[in-house]
């Protein structure tokens, strides 16, 4: 489960909690983070034209960017 929260650190776009099926919290999940980043970059409410963003997780800051369509 990927839960997107308001940013906790200035300069980041969101705080991302990643929960495993047993309820424990994971620090990072590559595929899940890519899906969340894609959704946030494509979201018209976020401007629909973001090219990059930074997500904070338990593991630290994870940069994400659009490579191509």
N, C-alpha and C. Protein backbone atom coordinates (compact mmCIF):
# COMPACT_ATOMS: atom_id res chain seq x y z
N UNK A 1 0.86 -1.16 0.00
CA UNK A 1 0.00 0.00 0.00
C UNK A 1 0.90 1.22 0.00
N UNK A 2 0.64 2.14 -0.91
CA UNK A 2 1.41 3.38 -0.99
C UNK A 2 0.48 4.51 -0.56
N UNK A 3 0.79 5.15 0.55
CA UNK A 3 -0.04 6.24 1.06
C UNK A 3 0.70 7.56 0.85
N UNK A 4 0.06 8.47 0.12
CA UNK A 4 0.67 9.76 -0.20
C UNK A 4 0.17 10.79 0.80
N UNK A 5 1.11 11.43 1.50
CA UNK A 5 0.78 12.44 2.51
C UNK A 5 1.37 13.79 2.11
N UNK A 6 0.91 14.83 2.75
CA UNK A 6 1.50 16.15 2.55
C UNK A 6 2.98 16.08 2.89
N UNK A 7 3.79 16.93 2.24
CA UNK A 7 5.22 16.91 2.51
C UNK A 7 5.54 17.25 3.97
N UNK A 8 6.56 16.61 4.51
CA UNK A 8 7.02 16.89 5.86
C UNK A 8 8.29 17.76 5.83
N UNK A 9 9.01 17.69 4.73
CA UNK A 9 10.28 18.40 4.58
C UNK A 9 10.12 19.46 3.49
N UNK A 10 10.50 20.70 3.76
CA UNK A 10 10.44 21.73 2.72
C UNK A 10 11.26 21.31 1.49
N UNK A 11 10.71 21.60 0.32
CA UNK A 11 11.40 21.25 -0.92
C UNK A 11 11.03 19.89 -1.48
N UNK A 12 10.22 19.12 -0.73
CA UNK A 12 9.75 17.84 -1.26
C UNK A 12 8.30 18.00 -1.70
N UNK A 13 7.84 17.05 -2.51
CA UNK A 13 6.48 17.13 -3.05
C UNK A 13 5.47 16.32 -2.27
N UNK A 14 5.93 15.30 -1.54
CA UNK A 14 5.01 14.47 -0.76
C UNK A 14 5.82 13.58 0.18
N UNK A 15 5.15 13.13 1.24
CA UNK A 15 5.71 12.08 2.10
C UNK A 15 4.99 10.80 1.72
N UNK A 16 5.74 9.77 1.39
CA UNK A 16 5.18 8.52 0.90
C UNK A 16 5.41 7.42 1.93
N UNK A 17 4.31 6.88 2.46
CA UNK A 17 4.40 5.72 3.37
C UNK A 17 4.17 4.47 2.54
N UNK A 18 5.03 3.49 2.74
CA UNK A 18 4.96 2.24 1.99
C UNK A 18 4.72 1.12 3.00
N UNK A 19 3.54 0.51 2.91
CA UNK A 19 3.16 -0.52 3.87
C UNK A 19 3.12 -1.90 3.21
N UNK A 20 3.76 -2.86 3.85
CA UNK A 20 3.77 -4.24 3.38
C UNK A 20 2.46 -4.93 3.74
N UNK A 21 2.23 -6.11 3.20
CA UNK A 21 0.99 -6.84 3.47
C UNK A 21 0.84 -7.23 4.93
N UNK A 22 1.95 -7.34 5.65
CA UNK A 22 1.87 -7.69 7.08
C UNK A 22 1.69 -6.46 7.97
N UNK A 23 1.60 -5.27 7.35
CA UNK A 23 1.38 -4.04 8.10
C UNK A 23 2.65 -3.30 8.46
N UNK A 24 3.81 -3.93 8.25
CA UNK A 24 5.07 -3.25 8.54
C UNK A 24 5.34 -2.18 7.48
N UNK A 25 6.14 -1.20 7.85
CA UNK A 25 6.45 -0.12 6.92
C UNK A 25 7.80 -0.38 6.26
N UNK A 26 7.82 -0.22 4.95
CA UNK A 26 9.04 -0.40 4.18
C UNK A 26 9.66 0.97 3.90
N UNK A 27 10.95 1.00 3.67
CA UNK A 27 11.62 2.25 3.39
C UNK A 27 11.47 2.70 1.95
N UNK A 28 11.43 1.74 1.03
CA UNK A 28 11.34 2.08 -0.39
C UNK A 28 10.78 0.90 -1.18
N UNK A 29 10.20 1.21 -2.30
CA UNK A 29 9.69 0.21 -3.25
C UNK A 29 9.79 0.83 -4.63
N UNK A 30 10.74 0.35 -5.43
CA UNK A 30 11.01 0.95 -6.73
C UNK A 30 9.79 1.02 -7.65
N UNK A 31 9.12 -0.12 -7.85
CA UNK A 31 7.97 -0.13 -8.76
C UNK A 31 6.83 0.74 -8.23
N UNK A 32 6.56 0.65 -6.94
CA UNK A 32 5.49 1.45 -6.35
C UNK A 32 5.80 2.93 -6.44
N UNK A 33 7.05 3.30 -6.18
CA UNK A 33 7.44 4.71 -6.25
C UNK A 33 7.31 5.23 -7.67
N UNK A 34 7.68 4.42 -8.66
CA UNK A 34 7.52 4.83 -10.06
C UNK A 34 6.04 5.07 -10.39
N UNK A 35 5.17 4.23 -9.89
CA UNK A 35 3.73 4.39 -10.15
C UNK A 35 3.20 5.67 -9.50
N UNK A 36 3.59 5.92 -8.26
CA UNK A 36 3.15 7.12 -7.56
C UNK A 36 3.69 8.36 -8.26
N UNK A 37 4.97 8.34 -8.63
CA UNK A 37 5.57 9.48 -9.33
C UNK A 37 4.85 9.74 -10.64
N UNK A 38 4.57 8.69 -11.41
CA UNK A 38 3.87 8.86 -12.68
C UNK A 38 2.50 9.50 -12.45
N UNK A 39 1.77 9.00 -11.46
CA UNK A 39 0.43 9.54 -11.17
C UNK A 39 0.51 11.01 -10.76
N UNK A 40 1.49 11.35 -9.92
CA UNK A 40 1.61 12.73 -9.48
C UNK A 40 2.04 13.65 -10.61
N UNK A 41 2.96 13.19 -11.46
CA UNK A 41 3.43 14.01 -12.57
C UNK A 41 2.30 14.23 -13.58
N UNK A 42 1.47 13.22 -13.80
CA UNK A 42 0.39 13.32 -14.79
C UNK A 42 -0.87 14.00 -14.26
N UNK A 43 -0.96 14.18 -12.94
CA UNK A 43 -2.17 14.72 -12.31
C UNK A 43 -2.40 16.19 -12.65
N UNK A 44 -3.53 16.52 -13.29
CA UNK A 44 -3.82 17.92 -13.61
C UNK A 44 -3.86 18.82 -12.37
N UNK A 45 -4.22 18.28 -11.22
CA UNK A 45 -4.26 19.07 -10.00
C UNK A 45 -2.86 19.51 -9.57
N UNK A 46 -1.84 18.79 -10.03
CA UNK A 46 -0.45 19.15 -9.73
C UNK A 46 0.12 20.02 -10.84
N UNK A 47 -0.72 20.45 -11.77
CA UNK A 47 -0.26 21.26 -12.88
C UNK A 47 -0.17 20.47 -14.17
N UNK A 48 -0.11 19.15 -14.05
CA UNK A 48 -0.09 18.29 -15.23
C UNK A 48 1.14 18.42 -16.09
N UNK A 49 2.09 19.23 -15.68
CA UNK A 49 3.28 19.42 -16.51
C UNK A 49 4.57 19.30 -15.70
N UNK A 50 4.50 18.66 -14.55
CA UNK A 50 5.72 18.45 -13.77
C UNK A 50 6.68 17.56 -14.55
N UNK A 51 7.93 17.85 -14.45
CA UNK A 51 8.96 17.01 -15.09
C UNK A 51 9.75 16.23 -14.05
N UNK A 52 9.77 16.74 -12.81
CA UNK A 52 10.49 16.05 -11.75
C UNK A 52 9.87 16.37 -10.40
N UNK A 53 10.08 15.47 -9.46
CA UNK A 53 9.59 15.70 -8.10
C UNK A 53 10.47 14.92 -7.13
N UNK A 54 10.33 15.23 -5.86
CA UNK A 54 11.08 14.55 -4.81
C UNK A 54 10.09 14.03 -3.78
N UNK A 55 10.18 12.73 -3.53
CA UNK A 55 9.32 12.08 -2.55
C UNK A 55 10.15 11.72 -1.33
N UNK A 56 9.62 11.98 -0.15
CA UNK A 56 10.27 11.58 1.09
C UNK A 56 9.68 10.26 1.54
N UNK A 57 10.52 9.31 1.91
CA UNK A 57 10.08 8.04 2.47
C UNK A 57 10.87 7.77 3.75
N UNK A 58 10.56 6.68 4.39
CA UNK A 58 11.29 6.27 5.59
C UNK A 58 12.78 6.08 5.27
N UNK A 59 13.09 5.73 4.02
CA UNK A 59 14.48 5.50 3.60
C UNK A 59 15.20 6.79 3.23
N UNK A 60 14.47 7.89 3.09
CA UNK A 60 15.10 9.15 2.70
C UNK A 60 14.38 9.80 1.54
N UNK A 61 15.10 10.66 0.83
CA UNK A 61 14.51 11.38 -0.29
C UNK A 61 14.74 10.61 -1.58
N UNK A 62 13.66 10.46 -2.35
CA UNK A 62 13.72 9.74 -3.62
C UNK A 62 13.36 10.68 -4.76
N UNK A 63 14.32 11.03 -5.62
CA UNK A 63 14.00 11.88 -6.76
C UNK A 63 13.32 11.06 -7.85
N UNK A 64 12.44 11.69 -8.58
CA UNK A 64 11.76 11.04 -9.71
C UNK A 64 11.63 12.07 -10.83
N UNK A 65 11.73 11.62 -12.06
CA UNK A 65 11.60 12.54 -13.20
C UNK A 65 11.05 11.82 -14.40
N UNK A 66 10.45 12.61 -15.29
CA UNK A 66 9.89 12.09 -16.53
C UNK A 66 11.03 11.95 -17.54
N UNK A 67 11.16 10.77 -18.13
CA UNK A 67 12.20 10.54 -19.11
C UNK A 67 11.66 10.80 -20.51
N UNK A 68 10.52 10.21 -20.83
CA UNK A 68 9.88 10.42 -22.12
C UNK A 68 8.46 9.89 -22.05
N UNK A 69 7.68 10.18 -23.09
CA UNK A 69 6.32 9.65 -23.13
C UNK A 69 6.38 8.20 -23.55
